[in-house]
Amino acid sequence: MESHATRSHRGLAYGLYCLSGLVSLIYQAAWFRIFVDRFGSTTLTFVLVVINFIGGLGLGALVSQRASAWLSAQLGAAQRLRVYGVCSWG
């Protein structure tokens, strides 16, 4: 059975994870507006923003595997959540 503090920390981690996703969606909307101002409101503009957003997520996932393994070795951290937190702050 997990303690109240563990549940509290898990809830905080889930909340911060959701906040991270919300911030990335706000960035996507901002980039779309910037591209519309530059290139006009076209399907190409929307596709460019979506491709860059999805591509960035995929590239980040690939890089984070190596970065978290290296960072875990450097910090000696056994908990993957802490390593993920350090990577997110970076």
N, C-alpha and C. Protein backbone atom coordinates (compact mmCIF):
# COMPACT_ATOMS: atom_id res chain seq x y z
N MET A 1 0.84 -1.18 0.00
CA MET A 1 0.00 0.00 0.00
C MET A 1 0.89 1.25 0.00
N GLU A 2 0.55 2.19 -0.86
CA GLU A 2 1.39 3.38 -0.96
C GLU A 2 0.94 4.44 0.04
N SER A 3 1.88 5.26 0.45
CA SER A 3 1.58 6.29 1.44
C SER A 3 0.90 7.49 0.80
N HIS A 4 0.40 8.35 1.67
CA HIS A 4 -0.25 9.58 1.20
C HIS A 4 0.75 10.47 0.46
N ALA A 5 1.99 10.53 0.94
CA ALA A 5 3.01 11.37 0.30
C ALA A 5 3.33 10.85 -1.10
N THR A 6 3.37 9.54 -1.27
CA THR A 6 3.66 8.97 -2.58
C THR A 6 2.54 9.30 -3.56
N ARG A 7 1.29 9.17 -3.10
CA ARG A 7 0.16 9.53 -3.96
C ARG A 7 0.18 11.00 -4.30
N SER A 8 0.55 11.83 -3.34
CA SER A 8 0.62 13.27 -3.56
C SER A 8 1.68 13.61 -4.61
N HIS A 9 2.85 12.98 -4.51
CA HIS A 9 3.91 13.22 -5.48
C HIS A 9 3.51 12.72 -6.86
N ARG A 10 2.84 11.58 -6.90
CA ARG A 10 2.40 11.04 -8.19
C ARG A 10 1.38 11.98 -8.83
N GLY A 11 0.47 12.51 -8.03
CA GLY A 11 -0.51 13.47 -8.55
C GLY A 11 0.16 14.73 -9.07
N LEU A 12 1.16 15.20 -8.36
CA LEU A 12 1.91 16.37 -8.81
C LEU A 12 2.63 16.10 -10.13
N ALA A 13 3.23 14.91 -10.24
CA ALA A 13 3.92 14.55 -11.49
C ALA A 13 2.93 14.48 -12.65
N TYR A 14 1.76 13.88 -12.43
CA TYR A 14 0.76 13.82 -13.49
C TYR A 14 0.28 15.22 -13.87
N GLY A 15 0.10 16.07 -12.90
CA GLY A 15 -0.34 17.44 -13.17
C GLY A 15 0.68 18.21 -13.99
N LEU A 16 1.95 18.07 -13.62
CA LEU A 16 3.01 18.75 -14.37
C LEU A 16 3.14 18.20 -15.78
N TYR A 17 2.94 16.90 -15.92
CA TYR A 17 2.99 16.28 -17.25
C TYR A 17 1.87 16.82 -18.14
N CYS A 18 0.67 16.95 -17.58
CA CYS A 18 -0.45 17.52 -18.33
C CYS A 18 -0.19 18.98 -18.67
N LEU A 19 0.38 19.73 -17.74
CA LEU A 19 0.71 21.13 -17.99
C LEU A 19 1.73 21.24 -19.12
N SER A 20 2.68 20.33 -19.17
CA SER A 20 3.65 20.32 -20.26
C SER A 20 2.97 20.13 -21.61
N GLY A 21 2.01 19.23 -21.68
CA GLY A 21 1.28 19.02 -22.93
C GLY A 21 0.47 20.24 -23.32
N LEU A 22 -0.14 20.89 -22.34
CA LEU A 22 -0.92 22.10 -22.60
C LEU A 22 -0.03 23.21 -23.15
N VAL A 23 1.14 23.37 -22.58
CA VAL A 23 2.07 24.40 -23.05
C VAL A 23 2.50 24.12 -24.49
N SER A 24 2.73 22.84 -24.81
CA SER A 24 3.13 22.52 -26.18
C SER A 24 2.01 22.79 -27.17
N LEU A 25 0.77 22.57 -26.78
CA LEU A 25 -0.35 22.89 -27.67
C LEU A 25 -0.49 24.40 -27.85
N ILE A 26 -0.21 25.17 -26.81
CA ILE A 26 -0.25 26.63 -26.92
C ILE A 26 0.84 27.10 -27.89
N TYR A 27 2.03 26.49 -27.79
CA TYR A 27 3.09 26.82 -28.75
C TYR A 27 2.67 26.50 -30.18
N GLN A 28 2.00 25.36 -30.36
CA GLN A 28 1.55 24.99 -31.69
C GLN A 28 0.57 26.02 -32.24
N ALA A 29 -0.35 26.47 -31.43
CA ALA A 29 -1.31 27.49 -31.87
C ALA A 29 -0.61 28.80 -32.19
N ALA A 30 0.38 29.17 -31.37
CA ALA A 30 1.12 30.41 -31.61
C ALA A 30 1.89 30.33 -32.93
N TRP A 31 2.55 29.21 -33.18
CA TRP A 31 3.29 29.05 -34.43
C TRP A 31 2.35 29.09 -35.62
N PHE A 32 1.17 28.50 -35.48
CA PHE A 32 0.22 28.53 -36.57
C PHE A 32 -0.18 29.97 -36.89
N ARG A 33 -0.42 30.77 -35.88
CA ARG A 33 -0.78 32.18 -36.11
C ARG A 33 0.36 32.95 -36.76
N ILE A 34 1.58 32.67 -36.33
CA ILE A 34 2.75 33.34 -36.92
C ILE A 34 2.89 32.95 -38.39
N PHE A 35 2.73 31.65 -38.69
CA PHE A 35 2.83 31.19 -40.07
C PHE A 35 1.71 31.75 -40.94
N VAL A 36 0.52 31.90 -40.38
CA VAL A 36 -0.59 32.48 -41.14
C VAL A 36 -0.27 33.92 -41.51
N ASP A 37 0.32 34.66 -40.57
CA ASP A 37 0.71 36.04 -40.87
C ASP A 37 1.76 36.11 -41.97
N ARG A 38 2.68 35.16 -41.99
CA ARG A 38 3.76 35.17 -42.97
C ARG A 38 3.35 34.60 -44.33
N PHE A 39 2.65 33.46 -44.31
CA PHE A 39 2.38 32.73 -45.55
C PHE A 39 0.92 32.72 -45.97
N GLY A 40 0.05 33.24 -45.14
CA GLY A 40 -1.38 33.20 -45.45
C GLY A 40 -2.02 31.95 -44.87
N SER A 41 -3.33 31.96 -44.82
CA SER A 41 -4.07 30.84 -44.24
C SER A 41 -4.32 29.79 -45.33
N THR A 42 -3.42 28.83 -45.40
CA THR A 42 -3.54 27.79 -46.40
C THR A 42 -3.40 26.43 -45.73
N THR A 43 -3.70 25.41 -46.49
CA THR A 43 -3.52 24.05 -45.99
C THR A 43 -2.04 23.77 -45.77
N LEU A 44 -1.19 24.31 -46.62
CA LEU A 44 0.25 24.12 -46.47
C LEU A 44 0.75 24.68 -45.14
N THR A 45 0.23 25.81 -44.74
CA THR A 45 0.63 26.40 -43.46
C THR A 45 0.27 25.46 -42.32
N PHE A 46 -0.94 24.93 -42.34
CA PHE A 46 -1.37 24.01 -41.29
C PHE A 46 -0.52 22.75 -41.29
N VAL A 47 -0.25 22.22 -42.47
CA VAL A 47 0.54 20.99 -42.58
C VAL A 47 1.96 21.22 -42.07
N LEU A 48 2.55 22.36 -42.38
CA LEU A 48 3.90 22.66 -41.88
C LEU A 48 3.95 22.68 -40.36
N VAL A 49 2.96 23.31 -39.75
CA VAL A 49 2.93 23.39 -38.29
C VAL A 49 2.75 22.00 -37.69
N VAL A 50 1.82 21.22 -38.22
CA VAL A 50 1.56 19.89 -37.67
C VAL A 50 2.77 18.97 -37.87
N ILE A 51 3.39 19.01 -39.04
CA ILE A 51 4.56 18.17 -39.29
C ILE A 51 5.70 18.53 -38.35
N ASN A 52 5.93 19.82 -38.15
CA ASN A 52 6.99 20.24 -37.23
C ASN A 52 6.68 19.84 -35.80
N PHE A 53 5.43 19.95 -35.40
CA PHE A 53 5.03 19.59 -34.04
C PHE A 53 5.21 18.09 -33.81
N ILE A 54 4.67 17.27 -34.70
CA ILE A 54 4.77 15.82 -34.56
C ILE A 54 6.22 15.37 -34.71
N GLY A 55 6.93 15.97 -35.66
CA GLY A 55 8.35 15.64 -35.83
C GLY A 55 9.17 15.97 -34.59
N GLY A 56 8.87 17.11 -33.98
CA GLY A 56 9.56 17.49 -32.75
C GLY A 56 9.28 16.52 -31.61
N LEU A 57 8.04 16.05 -31.52
CA LEU A 57 7.72 15.05 -30.50
C LEU A 57 8.50 13.76 -30.73
N GLY A 58 8.53 13.31 -31.99
CA GLY A 58 9.26 12.09 -32.31
C GLY A 58 10.75 12.21 -32.07
N LEU A 59 11.33 13.33 -32.52
CA LEU A 59 12.76 13.55 -32.31
C LEU A 59 13.08 13.65 -30.82
N GLY A 60 12.23 14.32 -30.08
CA GLY A 60 12.43 14.42 -28.64
C GLY A 60 12.37 13.06 -27.96
N ALA A 61 11.49 12.20 -28.42
CA ALA A 61 11.40 10.85 -27.85
C ALA A 61 12.67 10.05 -28.13
N LEU A 62 13.20 10.17 -29.34
CA LEU A 62 14.43 9.44 -29.67
C LEU A 62 15.62 9.96 -28.88
N VAL A 63 15.74 11.28 -28.80
CA VAL A 63 16.88 11.87 -28.09
C VAL A 63 16.77 11.64 -26.59
N SER A 64 15.56 11.64 -26.06
CA SER A 64 15.39 11.51 -24.61
C SER A 64 15.82 10.15 -24.10
N GLN A 65 15.74 9.11 -24.92
CA GLN A 65 16.19 7.79 -24.48
C GLN A 65 17.69 7.81 -24.18
N ARG A 66 18.45 8.33 -25.11
CA ARG A 66 19.91 8.40 -24.89
C ARG A 66 20.26 9.40 -23.79
N ALA A 67 19.58 10.54 -23.80
CA ALA A 67 19.87 11.57 -22.80
C ALA A 67 19.54 11.10 -21.41
N SER A 68 18.43 10.40 -21.24
CA SER A 68 18.06 9.93 -19.90
C SER A 68 19.00 8.83 -19.44
N ALA A 69 19.47 7.97 -20.34
CA ALA A 69 20.42 6.93 -19.95
C ALA A 69 21.74 7.55 -19.51
N TRP A 70 22.21 8.55 -20.27
CA TRP A 70 23.46 9.23 -19.92
C TRP A 70 23.32 9.99 -18.61
N LEU A 71 22.21 10.71 -18.48
CA LEU A 71 21.98 11.50 -17.27
C LEU A 71 21.82 10.62 -16.05
N SER A 72 21.17 9.49 -16.21
CA SER A 72 21.00 8.54 -15.11
C SER A 72 22.35 8.02 -14.64
N ALA A 73 23.25 7.75 -15.59
CA ALA A 73 24.58 7.29 -15.24
C ALA A 73 25.38 8.39 -14.54
N GLN A 74 25.23 9.64 -15.01
CA GLN A 74 25.98 10.76 -14.42
C GLN A 74 25.50 11.08 -13.01
N LEU A 75 24.18 11.05 -12.81
CA LEU A 75 23.62 11.41 -11.52
C LEU A 75 23.54 10.23 -10.56
N GLY A 76 23.66 9.03 -11.10
CA GLY A 76 23.50 7.86 -10.26
C GLY A 76 22.07 7.72 -9.75
N ALA A 77 21.14 8.28 -10.50
CA ALA A 77 19.74 8.26 -10.07
C ALA A 77 19.09 6.95 -10.48
N ALA A 78 18.53 6.28 -9.51
CA ALA A 78 17.84 5.02 -9.80
C ALA A 78 16.40 5.27 -10.24
N GLN A 79 15.85 6.40 -9.86
CA GLN A 79 14.46 6.68 -10.18
C GLN A 79 14.37 7.38 -11.53
N ARG A 80 13.68 6.74 -12.46
CA ARG A 80 13.55 7.28 -13.81
C ARG A 80 12.74 8.57 -13.83
N LEU A 81 11.81 8.74 -12.90
CA LEU A 81 11.00 9.95 -12.86
C LEU A 81 11.86 11.18 -12.56
N ARG A 82 12.83 11.03 -11.71
CA ARG A 82 13.73 12.16 -11.42
C ARG A 82 14.56 12.52 -12.65
N VAL A 83 15.04 11.51 -13.35
CA VAL A 83 15.81 11.76 -14.57
C VAL A 83 14.93 12.46 -15.60
N TYR A 84 13.69 12.01 -15.73
CA TYR A 84 12.75 12.65 -16.66
C TYR A 84 12.53 14.11 -16.26
N GLY A 85 12.40 14.37 -14.98
CA GLY A 85 12.23 15.75 -14.51
C GLY A 85 13.41 16.63 -14.84
N VAL A 86 14.61 16.11 -14.66
CA VAL A 86 15.81 16.88 -14.99
C VAL A 86 15.88 17.16 -16.49
N CYS A 87 15.52 16.15 -17.30
CA CYS A 87 15.51 16.34 -18.75
C CYS A 87 14.48 17.38 -19.16
N SER A 88 13.34 17.36 -18.51
CA SER A 88 12.28 18.33 -18.84
C SER A 88 12.71 19.75 -18.50
N TRP A 89 13.40 19.93 -17.39
CA TRP A 89 13.86 21.26 -17.03
C TRP A 89 14.92 21.75 -18.00
N GLY A 90 15.70 20.81 -18.56
CA GLY A 90 16.74 21.18 -19.51
C GLY A 90 16.16 21.63 -20.80
